């Protein structure tokens, strides 16, 4: 079922989105060699709580952290750990959400630890740009397939693998709502977009194959070939014109 938000609900989405985006910026300040992924998770958790919200991810489906923190070939759902220490050259994906008065923000970004390779930086740049190529079509009257096609066309034309097994989604009173938002698709196909739909659009792009596998912890998703992966996501509100990036605070 598609949930169209009213003005009051949209105001809560904006607040939840801002807290989510600010939590990621707080975490970015501490991304450096020698810091554990659990330390980063604690920073995110504490910031969300201080803002009067709750960490959406904590306990969701049994997940043990307030953020998914995934390194290098890990695509999504990395579990924060005290003994997982950031090293120079790593790339770190931080994915988190805040719930404010019953509504959720969801956002992710990829950051380098110190000096990273040119290959890693190019991957991060393409992943981010693929998101912005996609949201050019995130407006009322278009369809989900228009967004996914634009994301996939841009990233694949540059030789990257676009993850297919995991997709974006609606977001609102629930972290995951209808519709699914794949990072691939066919133009003019799929669910039609309406004003005040809110979607989490999240390209997950790999240097190598788009195939994935899940580790034995039953959470962490990695690239099947061990290649680097990047992730970029915002919660987005559909309008008749330009979309509103609910979680963008930079």
Protein backbone atom coordinates (compact mmCIF):
# COMPACT_ATOMS: atom_id res chain seq x y z
CA UNK A 1 0.00 0.00 0.00
CA UNK A 2 1.32 3.43 -1.00
CA UNK A 3 1.20 6.07 1.77
CA UNK A 4 0.72 9.68 0.67
CA UNK A 5 1.71 12.04 3.49
CA UNK A 6 -0.39 15.00 4.59
CA UNK A 7 1.21 18.30 5.59
CA UNK A 8 1.53 17.37 9.28
CA UNK A 9 3.12 14.04 8.44
CA UNK A 10 5.47 15.69 5.98
CA UNK A 11 6.63 18.07 8.72
CA UNK A 12 7.54 15.06 10.87
CA UNK A 13 9.35 13.50 7.91
CA UNK A 14 11.40 16.67 7.49
CA UNK A 15 12.39 16.65 11.16
CA UNK A 16 13.25 12.95 11.14
CA UNK A 17 15.22 13.45 7.95
CA UNK A 18 17.21 16.35 9.33
CA UNK A 19 18.17 14.41 12.46
CA UNK A 20 19.20 11.43 10.33
CA UNK A 21 21.34 13.54 8.02
CA UNK A 22 22.96 15.39 10.93
CA UNK A 23 23.80 12.10 12.65
CA UNK A 24 25.74 10.99 9.57
CA UNK A 25 27.61 14.30 9.48
CA UNK A 26 28.51 13.87 13.17
CA UNK A 27 29.83 10.41 12.40
CA UNK A 28 31.87 11.71 9.45
CA UNK A 29 33.83 13.96 11.82
CA UNK A 30 35.17 10.86 13.60
CA UNK A 31 36.06 8.70 10.61
CA UNK A 32 39.81 8.23 10.90
CA UNK A 33 42.37 5.49 11.30
CA UNK A 34 42.21 3.70 14.66
CA UNK A 35 38.52 4.35 15.37
CA UNK A 36 36.25 1.31 15.76
CA UNK A 37 32.96 0.95 13.92
CA UNK A 38 31.29 0.58 17.34
CA UNK A 39 32.59 4.02 18.34
CA UNK A 40 30.99 5.47 15.20
CA UNK A 41 27.75 3.68 16.03
CA UNK A 42 27.76 5.11 19.56
CA UNK A 43 28.19 8.65 18.21
CA UNK A 44 25.20 8.20 15.91
CA UNK A 45 23.07 6.64 18.65
CA UNK A 46 23.82 9.39 21.17
CA UNK A 47 23.17 12.19 18.68
CA UNK A 48 19.79 10.80 17.63
CA UNK A 49 18.73 10.42 21.27
CA UNK A 50 19.86 13.97 22.13
CA UNK A 51 17.64 15.26 19.32
CA UNK A 52 14.55 13.69 20.90
CA UNK A 53 14.32 10.89 18.35
CA UNK A 54 14.98 7.16 18.48
CA UNK A 55 17.44 5.14 16.34
CA UNK A 56 15.24 3.33 13.83
CA UNK A 57 17.74 0.60 13.05
CA UNK A 58 18.41 -0.48 16.65
CA UNK A 59 16.56 -3.75 17.16
CA UNK A 60 14.96 -3.61 13.71
CA UNK A 61 14.60 -7.25 12.73
CA UNK A 62 17.05 -7.96 15.55
CA UNK A 63 19.82 -5.68 14.22
CA UNK A 64 22.22 -4.88 17.10
CA UNK A 65 23.34 -1.36 16.12
CA UNK A 66 21.94 2.12 15.54
CA UNK A 67 23.72 2.25 12.17
CA UNK A 68 24.86 -0.21 9.55
CA UNK A 69 28.59 0.39 9.11
CA UNK A 70 30.07 -1.49 6.17
CA UNK A 71 33.70 -1.45 5.02
CA UNK A 72 35.27 -1.91 1.59
CA UNK A 73 33.66 -4.95 -0.09
CA UNK A 74 30.75 -4.88 2.39
CA UNK A 75 27.75 -3.36 0.63
CA UNK A 76 25.17 -2.95 3.41
CA UNK A 77 24.14 -4.15 6.88
CA UNK A 78 27.62 -4.26 8.42
CA UNK A 79 27.36 -4.78 12.20
CA UNK A 80 29.26 -2.23 14.33
CA UNK A 81 31.98 -3.92 16.39
CA UNK A 82 34.55 -2.83 18.98
CA UNK A 83 37.26 -4.84 17.24
CA UNK A 84 36.51 -3.60 13.72
CA UNK A 85 39.06 -0.82 13.43
CA UNK A 86 39.22 1.67 10.58
CA UNK A 87 42.44 1.61 8.57
CA UNK A 88 43.99 4.15 6.21
CA UNK A 89 42.54 3.64 2.74
CA UNK A 90 39.29 1.99 3.84
CA UNK A 91 35.98 3.18 2.48
CA UNK A 92 33.17 3.28 5.04
CA UNK A 93 29.46 3.10 4.34
CA UNK A 94 27.25 4.56 7.06
CA UNK A 95 23.52 3.87 6.82
CA UNK A 96 21.20 5.02 9.60
CA UNK A 97 17.73 6.29 10.42
CA UNK A 98 15.97 8.34 13.08
CA UNK A 99 12.33 8.07 14.11
CA UNK A 100 10.73 11.34 15.22
CA UNK A 101 7.14 11.33 16.47
CA UNK A 102 6.38 8.17 14.54
CA UNK A 103 8.07 9.02 11.23
CA UNK A 104 11.41 7.85 9.89
CA UNK A 105 14.36 9.24 8.01
CA UNK A 106 16.75 6.89 6.20
CA UNK A 107 20.07 7.92 4.68
CA UNK A 108 23.49 6.56 3.77
CA UNK A 109 26.82 7.85 2.53
CA UNK A 110 30.30 6.51 1.80
CA UNK A 111 33.47 8.10 3.19
CA UNK A 112 37.17 7.45 2.81
CA UNK A 113 39.55 6.91 5.74
CA UNK A 114 42.51 9.18 5.17
CA UNK A 115 44.03 8.88 1.70
CA UNK A 116 42.10 6.43 -0.47
CA UNK A 117 42.89 5.07 -3.91
CA UNK A 118 41.81 6.85 -7.07
CA UNK A 119 39.76 3.76 -7.91
CA UNK A 120 37.87 3.99 -4.62
CA UNK A 121 37.25 7.72 -5.01
CA UNK A 122 35.93 7.24 -8.55
CA UNK A 123 33.50 4.61 -7.25
CA UNK A 124 32.22 6.94 -4.52
CA UNK A 125 31.81 9.77 -7.03
CA UNK A 126 29.92 7.64 -9.56
CA UNK A 127 27.64 6.23 -6.87
CA UNK A 128 26.70 9.70 -5.65
CA UNK A 129 26.20 11.02 -9.17
CA UNK A 130 24.02 8.03 -10.07
CA UNK A 131 21.67 9.03 -7.24
CA UNK A 132 21.36 12.55 -8.63
CA UNK A 133 20.83 11.21 -12.15
CA UNK A 134 17.99 9.11 -10.74
CA UNK A 135 16.22 11.87 -8.85
CA UNK A 136 16.01 14.00 -11.97
CA UNK A 137 13.01 11.75 -12.66
CA UNK A 138 11.65 11.71 -9.08
CA UNK A 139 8.63 13.91 -9.70
CA UNK A 140 4.89 13.50 -9.81
CA UNK A 141 3.65 11.77 -12.96
CA UNK A 142 6.82 9.82 -13.65
CA UNK A 143 7.32 6.16 -12.73
CA UNK A 144 9.65 4.12 -10.54
CA UNK A 145 11.26 2.62 -13.64
CA UNK A 146 12.38 6.06 -14.78
CA UNK A 147 14.44 6.51 -11.61
CA UNK A 148 15.98 3.04 -11.69
CA UNK A 149 16.84 3.23 -15.38
CA UNK A 150 18.66 6.55 -14.94
CA UNK A 151 20.70 5.21 -12.00
CA UNK A 152 21.67 1.98 -13.76
CA UNK A 153 22.33 3.58 -17.13
CA UNK A 154 24.78 6.06 -15.63
CA UNK A 155 26.67 3.61 -13.40
CA UNK A 156 26.79 0.68 -15.82
CA UNK A 157 27.93 2.90 -18.68
CA UNK A 158 31.03 3.56 -16.59
CA UNK A 159 31.69 -0.13 -16.09
CA UNK A 160 30.27 -0.61 -12.61
CA UNK A 161 27.97 -3.31 -11.26
CA UNK A 162 24.59 -2.10 -9.98
CA UNK A 163 23.28 -4.22 -7.09
CA UNK A 164 19.94 -5.81 -7.95
CA UNK A 165 19.17 -8.03 -4.97
CA UNK A 166 18.69 -5.07 -2.61
CA UNK A 167 16.64 -2.00 -3.49
CA UNK A 168 15.27 1.29 -2.22
CA UNK A 169 11.79 1.60 -0.79
CA UNK A 170 9.04 3.81 0.48
CA UNK A 171 9.69 5.33 3.92
CA UNK A 172 7.41 6.98 6.46
CA UNK A 173 5.65 5.63 9.54
CA UNK A 174 7.48 2.40 8.71
CA UNK A 175 11.13 2.20 7.75
CA UNK A 176 10.22 0.04 4.75
CA UNK A 177 6.99 0.85 2.94
CA UNK A 178 5.70 0.29 -0.57
CA UNK A 179 6.82 0.72 -3.27
CA UNK A 180 10.16 -0.94 -3.86
CA UNK A 181 12.59 1.36 -5.68
CA UNK A 182 15.13 -0.74 -7.65
CA UNK A 183 18.34 0.84 -8.92
CA UNK A 184 17.51 -0.52 -12.38
CA UNK A 185 14.36 -0.52 -14.45
CA UNK A 186 12.55 0.29 -17.67
CA UNK A 187 11.50 3.86 -18.48
CA UNK A 188 7.76 4.58 -18.18
CA UNK A 189 7.16 1.34 -16.27
CA UNK A 190 6.36 0.60 -12.65
CA UNK A 191 4.50 2.47 -9.93
CA UNK A 192 3.44 6.00 -10.86
CA UNK A 193 4.82 8.74 -8.60
CA UNK A 194 2.50 11.13 -6.75
CA UNK A 195 3.07 14.32 -4.79
CA UNK A 196 3.92 13.65 -1.11
CA UNK A 197 5.08 10.10 -1.70
CA UNK A 198 8.30 9.64 0.28
CA UNK A 199 10.97 7.26 -0.98
CA UNK A 200 14.39 6.09 0.15
CA UNK A 201 16.42 6.07 -3.07
CA UNK A 202 19.75 4.31 -2.56
CA UNK A 203 22.17 3.25 -5.28
CA UNK A 204 24.53 0.45 -4.22
CA UNK A 205 27.32 0.28 -6.80
CA UNK A 206 30.20 -2.19 -7.08
CA UNK A 207 33.48 -1.94 -8.94
CA UNK A 208 33.01 -5.51 -10.16
CA UNK A 209 30.01 -7.82 -10.41
CA UNK A 210 26.58 -6.85 -9.13
CA UNK A 211 26.28 -10.31 -7.52
CA UNK A 212 26.30 -10.42 -3.73
CA UNK A 213 26.49 -12.86 -0.86
CA UNK A 214 25.51 -12.72 2.81
CA UNK A 215 28.08 -13.52 5.50
CA UNK A 216 27.56 -16.06 8.26
CA UNK A 217 26.31 -13.36 10.65
CA UNK A 218 23.16 -13.33 8.45
CA UNK A 219 23.38 -9.54 8.14
CA UNK A 220 26.46 -8.32 6.31
CA UNK A 221 26.09 -8.27 2.51
CA UNK A 222 29.33 -8.30 0.51
CA UNK A 223 30.27 -8.30 -3.15
CA UNK A 224 30.53 -11.82 -4.56
CA UNK A 225 33.94 -11.10 -6.11
CA UNK A 226 35.44 -9.13 -3.20
CA UNK A 227 35.45 -5.84 -5.10
CA UNK A 228 34.79 -2.47 -3.47
CA UNK A 229 31.24 -1.19 -3.09
CA UNK A 230 29.75 2.25 -2.35
CA UNK A 231 26.31 3.33 -1.13
CA UNK A 232 24.51 6.68 -1.30
CA UNK A 233 20.96 7.30 -0.07
CA UNK A 234 18.51 10.02 0.82
CA UNK A 235 14.88 10.01 1.86
CA UNK A 236 13.11 11.95 -0.88
CA UNK A 237 9.70 13.61 -1.05
CA UNK A 238 8.00 13.68 -4.45
CA UNK A 239 6.55 17.00 -5.64
CA UNK A 240 5.24 18.35 -8.94
CA UNK A 241 8.70 19.83 -9.51
CA UNK A 242 12.08 19.20 -7.93
CA UNK A 243 12.11 16.51 -5.22
CA UNK A 244 12.80 17.45 -1.61
CA UNK A 245 15.83 15.68 -0.12
CA UNK A 246 14.55 15.16 3.41
CA UNK A 247 17.86 13.87 4.80
CA UNK A 248 20.27 16.22 3.02
CA UNK A 249 21.82 18.73 5.47
CA UNK A 250 25.22 19.48 3.85
